[in-house]
């Protein structure tokens, strides 16, 4: 993981924090209306330029967890009521919800609720995406063929485990959306490819063994 450290942008009612180790430049912040984030300005982020509610809403758009906030009234970010995984077209797995990602300590608070996980196998910041899929010309439109066993409920903790040199294992209530946006799969246990070679993406088919995938 990059040794770049978190940047802090203080405000009167709320502070914004940016962790460049997680940013993959989706641009939800820069494309937001208003003066919270302005690309050519110093400082780039001014929490007092908009309301506290707007700060919270815009920061929570960040799909990688690179942006977080500290509300000075003590109100923390709350996880989404539904654990959701979006299989991005030619890109990462976007997770939102009540996430418990293996190895993600207190120095990565954003991935408690939002994360972009590598599925091309080439990231140098595994398990997180670092946009390496672009350099290796990873192609997968995010179609999902299996519907899954279904769900009795949608919330609760979602555990994310990285099998050594193997798949991502997600345990907990999960709704998966295909790259087209449709709800495609629901269940409480999923083994997902992170080597990029599965013929059954986004699910693991054991291809990591055949290609000698290394997770470190």
C-alpha atoms as a PDB file:
ATOM      1  CA  UNK A   1       0.000   0.000   0.000  1.00  0.00           C
ATOM      2  CA  UNK A   2       1.204   3.524  -0.747  1.00  0.00           C
ATOM      3  CA  UNK A   3       2.780   5.380   2.169  1.00  0.00           C
ATOM      4  CA  UNK A   4       0.839   8.561   1.351  1.00  0.00           C
ATOM      5  CA  UNK A   5      -0.948   9.760   4.442  1.00  0.00           C
ATOM      6  CA  UNK A   6      -4.407  11.105   5.114  1.00  0.00           C
ATOM      7  CA  UNK A   7      -5.090  14.784   4.461  1.00  0.00           C
ATOM      8  CA  UNK A   8      -7.385  16.690   6.814  1.00  0.00           C
ATOM      9  CA  UNK A   9      -9.639  19.607   5.905  1.00  0.00           C
ATOM     10  CA  UNK A  10     -11.060  21.229   9.069  1.00  0.00           C
ATOM     11  CA  UNK A  11     -14.398  23.006   9.245  1.00  0.00           C
ATOM     12  CA  UNK A  12     -16.410  24.695  11.977  1.00  0.00           C
ATOM     13  CA  UNK A  13     -19.020  21.929  12.273  1.00  0.00           C
ATOM     14  CA  UNK A  14     -17.474  19.035  10.351  1.00  0.00           C
ATOM     15  CA  UNK A  15     -14.015  17.975   9.164  1.00  0.00           C
ATOM     16  CA  UNK A  16     -13.306  16.136   5.911  1.00  0.00           C
ATOM     17  CA  UNK A  17     -10.487  13.605   5.533  1.00  0.00           C
ATOM     18  CA  UNK A  18      -8.944  12.307   2.313  1.00  0.00           C
ATOM     19  CA  UNK A  19      -6.877   9.119   2.090  1.00  0.00           C
ATOM     20  CA  UNK A  20      -4.978   9.030  -1.243  1.00  0.00           C
ATOM     21  CA  UNK A  21      -4.133   5.360  -0.677  1.00  0.00           C
ATOM     22  CA  UNK A  22      -7.722   4.455  -1.544  1.00  0.00           C
ATOM     23  CA  UNK A  23      -8.650   7.039  -4.175  1.00  0.00           C
ATOM     24  CA  UNK A  24      -9.296   5.707  -7.699  1.00  0.00           C
ATOM     25  CA  UNK A  25     -10.485   9.050  -9.123  1.00  0.00           C
ATOM     26  CA  UNK A  26     -14.105   8.197  -9.806  1.00  0.00           C
ATOM     27  CA  UNK A  27     -14.819  11.900  -9.390  1.00  0.00           C
ATOM     28  CA  UNK A  28     -18.009  11.838  -7.316  1.00  0.00           C
ATOM     29  CA  UNK A  29     -16.501  14.611  -5.201  1.00  0.00           C
ATOM     30  CA  UNK A  30     -15.221  16.846  -7.986  1.00  0.00           C
ATOM     31  CA  UNK A  31     -18.424  16.555  -9.987  1.00  0.00           C
ATOM     32  CA  UNK A  32     -20.655  17.476  -7.047  1.00  0.00           C
ATOM     33  CA  UNK A  33     -22.400  20.825  -7.281  1.00  0.00           C
ATOM     34  CA  UNK A  34     -21.340  23.593  -4.938  1.00  0.00           C
ATOM     35  CA  UNK A  35     -18.030  24.731  -3.504  1.00  0.00           C
ATOM     36  CA  UNK A  36     -17.110  21.824  -1.218  1.00  0.00           C
ATOM     37  CA  UNK A  37     -14.577  20.394  -3.682  1.00  0.00           C
ATOM     38  CA  UNK A  38     -12.932  22.622  -6.323  1.00  0.00           C
ATOM     39  CA  UNK A  39     -10.077  21.064  -8.245  1.00  0.00           C
ATOM     40  CA  UNK A  40      -7.797  24.071  -8.881  1.00  0.00           C
ATOM     41  CA  UNK A  41      -8.374  25.679  -5.487  1.00  0.00           C
ATOM     42  CA  UNK A  42      -6.119  25.607  -2.452  1.00  0.00           C
ATOM     43  CA  UNK A  43      -7.321  24.067  -0.265  1.00  0.00           C
ATOM     44  CA  UNK A  44      -9.163  21.651  -2.515  1.00  0.00           C
ATOM     45  CA  UNK A  45     -11.856  20.999   0.102  1.00  0.00           C
ATOM     46  CA  UNK A  46     -13.663  23.661   2.158  1.00  0.00           C
ATOM     47  CA  UNK A  47     -16.145  22.039   4.572  1.00  0.00           C
ATOM     48  CA  UNK A  48     -17.637  25.420   5.516  1.00  0.00           C
ATOM     49  CA  UNK A  49     -18.558  26.197   1.889  1.00  0.00           C
ATOM     50  CA  UNK A  50     -21.738  24.094   2.125  1.00  0.00           C
ATOM     51  CA  UNK A  51     -24.021  22.846   4.882  1.00  0.00           C
ATOM     52  CA  UNK A  52     -22.979  20.020   7.168  1.00  0.00           C
ATOM     53  CA  UNK A  53     -25.707  17.835   5.700  1.00  0.00           C
ATOM     54  CA  UNK A  54     -24.316  18.434   2.211  1.00  0.00           C
ATOM     55  CA  UNK A  55     -20.796  17.541   3.373  1.00  0.00           C
ATOM     56  CA  UNK A  56     -22.021  14.249   4.757  1.00  0.00           C
ATOM     57  CA  UNK A  57     -24.061  13.400   1.661  1.00  0.00           C
ATOM     58  CA  UNK A  58     -21.280  14.224  -0.818  1.00  0.00           C
ATOM     59  CA  UNK A  59     -18.533  12.462   1.142  1.00  0.00           C
ATOM     60  CA  UNK A  60     -20.696   9.350   1.380  1.00  0.00           C
ATOM     61  CA  UNK A  61     -20.852   9.261  -2.428  1.00  0.00           C
ATOM     62  CA  UNK A  62     -17.161   8.292  -2.535  1.00  0.00           C
ATOM     63  CA  UNK A  63     -17.212   4.620  -3.586  1.00  0.00           C
ATOM     64  CA  UNK A  64     -13.705   3.713  -2.428  1.00  0.00           C
ATOM     65  CA  UNK A  65     -13.786   5.007   1.148  1.00  0.00           C
ATOM     66  CA  UNK A  66     -11.048   7.533   0.380  1.00  0.00           C
ATOM     67  CA  UNK A  67     -13.238  10.344   1.753  1.00  0.00           C
ATOM     68  CA  UNK A  68     -14.518  10.352   5.325  1.00  0.00           C
ATOM     69  CA  UNK A  69     -15.698  12.973   7.790  1.00  0.00           C
ATOM     70  CA  UNK A  70     -15.730  13.772  11.481  1.00  0.00           C
ATOM     71  CA  UNK A  71     -18.992  15.399  12.546  1.00  0.00           C
ATOM     72  CA  UNK A  72     -18.229  17.598  15.559  1.00  0.00           C
ATOM     73  CA  UNK A  73     -21.664  16.840  17.002  1.00  0.00           C
ATOM     74  CA  UNK A  74     -20.461  13.259  17.271  1.00  0.00           C
ATOM     75  CA  UNK A  75     -22.819  11.773  14.675  1.00  0.00           C
ATOM     76  CA  UNK A  76     -20.860   9.072  12.818  1.00  0.00           C
ATOM     77  CA  UNK A  77     -21.500   7.768   9.331  1.00  0.00           C
ATOM     78  CA  UNK A  78     -24.072   4.986   9.375  1.00  0.00           C
ATOM     79  CA  UNK A  79     -23.838   1.917   7.156  1.00  0.00           C
ATOM     80  CA  UNK A  80     -26.343   1.518   4.351  1.00  0.00           C
ATOM     81  CA  UNK A  81     -29.365  -0.538   5.379  1.00  0.00           C
ATOM     82  CA  UNK A  82     -28.570  -3.058   2.632  1.00  0.00           C
ATOM     83  CA  UNK A  83     -25.187  -4.634   1.886  1.00  0.00           C
ATOM     84  CA  UNK A  84     -24.677  -4.149  -1.844  1.00  0.00           C
ATOM     85  CA  UNK A  85     -22.004  -5.174  -4.323  1.00  0.00           C
ATOM     86  CA  UNK A  86     -21.825  -3.575  -7.776  1.00  0.00           C
ATOM     87  CA  UNK A  87     -19.787  -5.440 -10.408  1.00  0.00           C
ATOM     88  CA  UNK A  88     -18.385  -2.507 -12.380  1.00  0.00           C
ATOM     89  CA  UNK A  89     -18.041  -2.732 -16.148  1.00  0.00           C
ATOM     90  CA  UNK A  90     -14.313  -3.502 -16.751  1.00  0.00           C
ATOM     91  CA  UNK A  91     -13.624  -2.338 -13.203  1.00  0.00           C
ATOM     92  CA  UNK A  92     -13.677  -3.205  -9.509  1.00  0.00           C
ATOM     93  CA  UNK A  93     -16.211  -4.603  -7.104  1.00  0.00           C
ATOM     94  CA  UNK A  94     -17.900  -1.681  -5.340  1.00  0.00           C
ATOM     95  CA  UNK A  95     -19.133  -2.632  -1.878  1.00  0.00           C
ATOM     96  CA  UNK A  96     -21.383  -0.597   0.408  1.00  0.00           C
ATOM     97  CA  UNK A  97     -22.873  -1.571   3.740  1.00  0.00           C
ATOM     98  CA  UNK A  98     -21.774  -2.733   7.159  1.00  0.00           C
ATOM     99  CA  UNK A  99     -18.353  -3.966   6.041  1.00  0.00           C
ATOM    100  CA  UNK A 100     -15.795  -5.940   8.034  1.00  0.00           C
ATOM    101  CA  UNK A 101     -12.852  -6.217   5.644  1.00  0.00           C
ATOM    102  CA  UNK A 102     -10.076  -8.494   6.829  1.00  0.00           C
ATOM    103  CA  UNK A 103      -6.902  -6.579   7.667  1.00  0.00           C
ATOM    104  CA  UNK A 104      -8.490  -3.130   7.370  1.00  0.00           C
ATOM    105  CA  UNK A 105      -7.626  -1.472  10.662  1.00  0.00           C
ATOM    106  CA  UNK A 106      -8.490   1.871  12.209  1.00  0.00           C
ATOM    107  CA  UNK A 107      -6.165   3.646   9.761  1.00  0.00           C
ATOM    108  CA  UNK A 108      -8.691   2.929   6.984  1.00  0.00           C
ATOM    109  CA  UNK A 109     -11.993   4.125   8.484  1.00  0.00           C
ATOM    110  CA  UNK A 110     -13.672   4.728   5.121  1.00  0.00           C
ATOM    111  CA  UNK A 111     -13.734   1.065   4.129  1.00  0.00           C
ATOM    112  CA  UNK A 112     -15.970   0.367   7.104  1.00  0.00           C
ATOM    113  CA  UNK A 113     -18.857   1.481   4.893  1.00  0.00           C
ATOM    114  CA  UNK A 114     -17.588   1.780   1.307  1.00  0.00           C
ATOM    115  CA  UNK A 115     -14.846   0.009  -0.629  1.00  0.00           C
ATOM    116  CA  UNK A 116     -13.593  -0.682  -4.154  1.00  0.00           C
ATOM    117  CA  UNK A 117     -12.037  -4.153  -4.327  1.00  0.00           C
ATOM    118  CA  UNK A 118      -9.717  -5.398  -7.070  1.00  0.00           C
ATOM    119  CA  UNK A 119     -11.021  -8.110  -9.391  1.00  0.00           C
ATOM    120  CA  UNK A 120      -8.413  -7.945 -12.177  1.00  0.00           C
ATOM    121  CA  UNK A 121      -5.604  -9.443 -10.074  1.00  0.00           C
ATOM    122  CA  UNK A 122      -3.110  -6.695 -10.884  1.00  0.00           C
ATOM    123  CA  UNK A 123      -3.611  -4.149  -8.079  1.00  0.00           C
ATOM    124  CA  UNK A 124      -0.536  -3.289  -6.052  1.00  0.00           C
ATOM    125  CA  UNK A 125      -2.837  -2.297  -3.207  1.00  0.00           C
ATOM    126  CA  UNK A 126      -4.762  -5.574  -2.773  1.00  0.00           C
ATOM    127  CA  UNK A 127      -7.471  -6.158  -1.784  1.00  0.00           C
ATOM    128  CA  UNK A 128      -8.316  -2.632  -2.887  1.00  0.00           C
ATOM    129  CA  UNK A 129      -8.494  -1.388  -6.467  1.00  0.00           C
ATOM    130  CA  UNK A 130      -5.754   0.968  -7.659  1.00  0.00           C
ATOM    131  CA  UNK A 131      -6.953   1.259 -11.287  1.00  0.00           C
ATOM    132  CA  UNK A 132      -4.476  -1.372 -12.500  1.00  0.00           C
ATOM    133  CA  UNK A 133      -7.339  -2.918 -14.498  1.00  0.00           C
ATOM    134  CA  UNK A 134      -6.851  -0.115 -17.007  1.00  0.00           C
ATOM    135  CA  UNK A 135      -3.173  -0.893 -17.534  1.00  0.00           C
ATOM    136  CA  UNK A 136      -3.721  -4.628 -18.012  1.00  0.00           C
ATOM    137  CA  UNK A 137      -6.749  -4.114 -20.291  1.00  0.00           C
ATOM    138  CA  UNK A 138      -9.047  -6.079 -18.017  1.00  0.00           C
ATOM    139  CA  UNK A 139     -12.383  -6.630 -19.742  1.00  0.00           C
ATOM    140  CA  UNK A 140     -15.577  -7.865 -18.136  1.00  0.00           C
ATOM    141  CA  UNK A 141     -18.905  -6.107 -18.510  1.00  0.00           C
ATOM    142  CA  UNK A 142     -20.201  -7.286 -15.135  1.00  0.00           C
ATOM    143  CA  UNK A 143     -22.869  -9.724 -16.292  1.00  0.00           C
ATOM    144  CA  UNK A 144     -24.062 -12.044 -13.503  1.00  0.00           C
ATOM    145  CA  UNK A 145     -25.747 -15.315 -14.514  1.00  0.00           C
ATOM    146  CA  UNK A 146     -26.552 -16.884 -11.139  1.00  0.00           C
ATOM    147  CA  UNK A 147     -29.474 -15.542  -9.087  1.00  0.00           C
ATOM    148  CA  UNK A 148     -28.257 -16.902  -5.746  1.00  0.00           C
ATOM    149  CA  UNK A 149     -30.290 -18.578  -3.002  1.00  0.00           C
ATOM    150  CA  UNK A 150     -32.064 -15.380  -1.951  1.00  0.00           C
ATOM    151  CA  UNK A 151     -32.267 -13.474   1.338  1.00  0.00           C
ATOM    152  CA  UNK A 152     -34.474 -13.379   4.403  1.00  0.00           C
ATOM    153  CA  UNK A 153     -33.083  -9.946   5.395  1.00  0.00           C
ATOM    154  CA  UNK A 154     -30.655  -7.404   3.951  1.00  0.00           C
ATOM    155  CA  UNK A 155     -28.663  -5.769   6.762  1.00  0.00           C
ATOM    156  CA  UNK A 156     -26.106  -6.878   9.299  1.00  0.00           C
ATOM    157  CA  UNK A 157     -22.360  -7.257   9.121  1.00  0.00           C
ATOM    158  CA  UNK A 158     -20.738  -8.374   5.869  1.00  0.00           C
ATOM    159  CA  UNK A 159     -17.413 -10.109   6.434  1.00  0.00           C
ATOM    160  CA  UNK A 160     -14.869  -9.845   3.617  1.00  0.00           C
ATOM    161  CA  UNK A 161     -12.091 -12.438   3.754  1.00  0.00           C
ATOM    162  CA  UNK A 162      -9.158 -12.777   1.349  1.00  0.00           C
ATOM    163  CA  UNK A 163      -8.136 -16.389   0.845  1.00  0.00           C
ATOM    164  CA  UNK A 164      -4.334 -16.558   0.364  1.00  0.00           C
ATOM    165  CA  UNK A 165      -3.668 -16.664  -3.409  1.00  0.00           C
ATOM    166  CA  UNK A 166      -7.386 -17.312  -3.821  1.00  0.00           C
ATOM    167  CA  UNK A 167     -10.819 -15.702  -3.941  1.00  0.00           C
ATOM    168  CA  UNK A 168     -12.653 -13.111  -1.930  1.00  0.00           C
ATOM    169  CA  UNK A 169     -15.081 -14.763   0.478  1.00  0.00           C
ATOM    170  CA  UNK A 170     -18.071 -12.635   1.463  1.00  0.00           C
ATOM    171  CA  UNK A 171     -20.155 -13.843   4.394  1.00  0.00           C
ATOM    172  CA  UNK A 172     -23.366 -12.079   5.367  1.00  0.00           C
ATOM    173  CA  UNK A 173     -26.495 -10.746   3.712  1.00  0.00           C
ATOM    174  CA  UNK A 174     -25.564  -9.451   0.267  1.00  0.00           C
ATOM    175  CA  UNK A 175     -27.346  -8.096  -2.807  1.00  0.00           C
ATOM    176  CA  UNK A 176     -25.266  -8.080  -5.982  1.00  0.00           C
ATOM    177  CA  UNK A 177     -25.920  -5.780  -8.909  1.00  0.00           C
ATOM    178  CA  UNK A 178     -24.681  -6.556 -12.401  1.00  0.00           C
ATOM    179  CA  UNK A 179     -22.743  -3.988 -14.424  1.00  0.00           C
ATOM    180  CA  UNK A 180     -26.047  -3.041 -16.051  1.00  0.00           C
ATOM    181  CA  UNK A 181     -27.366  -1.982 -12.643  1.00  0.00           C
ATOM    182  CA  UNK A 182     -29.978  -4.696 -12.213  1.00  0.00           C
ATOM    183  CA  UNK A 183     -30.313  -6.699  -9.011  1.00  0.00           C
ATOM    184  CA  UNK A 184     -28.749  -9.988 -10.106  1.00  0.00           C
ATOM    185  CA  UNK A 185     -27.850 -12.152  -7.108  1.00  0.00           C
ATOM    186  CA  UNK A 186     -28.814 -12.391  -3.438  1.00  0.00           C
ATOM    187  CA  UNK A 187     -27.430 -14.677  -0.761  1.00  0.00           C
ATOM    188  CA  UNK A 188     -25.287 -14.845   2.351  1.00  0.00           C
ATOM    189  CA  UNK A 189     -22.126 -16.525   1.035  1.00  0.00           C
ATOM    190  CA  UNK A 190     -20.181 -15.676  -2.117  1.00  0.00           C
ATOM    191  CA  UNK A 191     -16.787 -16.727  -3.458  1.00  0.00           C
ATOM    192  CA  UNK A 192     -15.641 -14.038  -5.867  1.00  0.00           C
ATOM    193  CA  UNK A 193     -12.777 -14.002  -8.366  1.00  0.00           C
ATOM    194  CA  UNK A 194      -9.927 -11.638  -7.663  1.00  0.00           C
ATOM    195  CA  UNK A 195      -7.325 -13.092 -10.049  1.00  0.00           C
ATOM    196  CA  UNK A 196      -9.096 -11.874 -13.187  1.00  0.00           C
ATOM    197  CA  UNK A 197      -9.037 -15.269 -14.900  1.00  0.00           C
ATOM    198  CA  UNK A 198     -12.339 -16.904 -13.902  1.00  0.00           C
ATOM    199  CA  UNK A 199     -14.592 -17.927 -16.768  1.00  0.00           C
ATOM    200  CA  UNK A 200     -17.558 -17.459 -14.413  1.00  0.00           C
ATOM    201  CA  UNK A 201     -16.948 -13.872 -13.272  1.00  0.00           C
ATOM    202  CA  UNK A 202     -17.670 -12.410 -10.823  1.00  0.00           C
ATOM    203  CA  UNK A 203     -17.558 -15.807  -9.126  1.00  0.00           C
ATOM    204  CA  UNK A 204     -14.424 -17.861  -8.528  1.00  0.00           C
ATOM    205  CA  UNK A 205     -14.005 -21.017 -10.630  1.00  0.00           C
ATOM    206  CA  UNK A 206     -10.577 -22.080  -9.347  1.00  0.00           C
ATOM    207  CA  UNK A 207      -8.646 -20.390 -12.168  1.00  0.00           C
ATOM    208  CA  UNK A 208      -6.304 -18.759  -9.619  1.00  0.00           C
ATOM    209  CA  UNK A 209      -4.650 -22.157  -9.132  1.00  0.00           C
ATOM    210  CA  UNK A 210      -4.102 -22.667 -12.850  1.00  0.00           C
ATOM    211  CA  UNK A 211      -2.494 -19.267 -13.437  1.00  0.00           C
ATOM    212  CA  UNK A 212      -0.461 -19.229 -10.215  1.00  0.00           C
ATOM    213  CA  UNK A 213      -2.134 -16.117  -8.834  1.00  0.00           C
ATOM    214  CA  UNK A 214      -0.331 -14.516  -5.914  1.00  0.00           C
ATOM    215  CA  UNK A 215      -2.257 -12.261  -3.593  1.00  0.00           C
ATOM    216  CA  UNK A 216       0.858 -10.596  -2.131  1.00  0.00           C
END
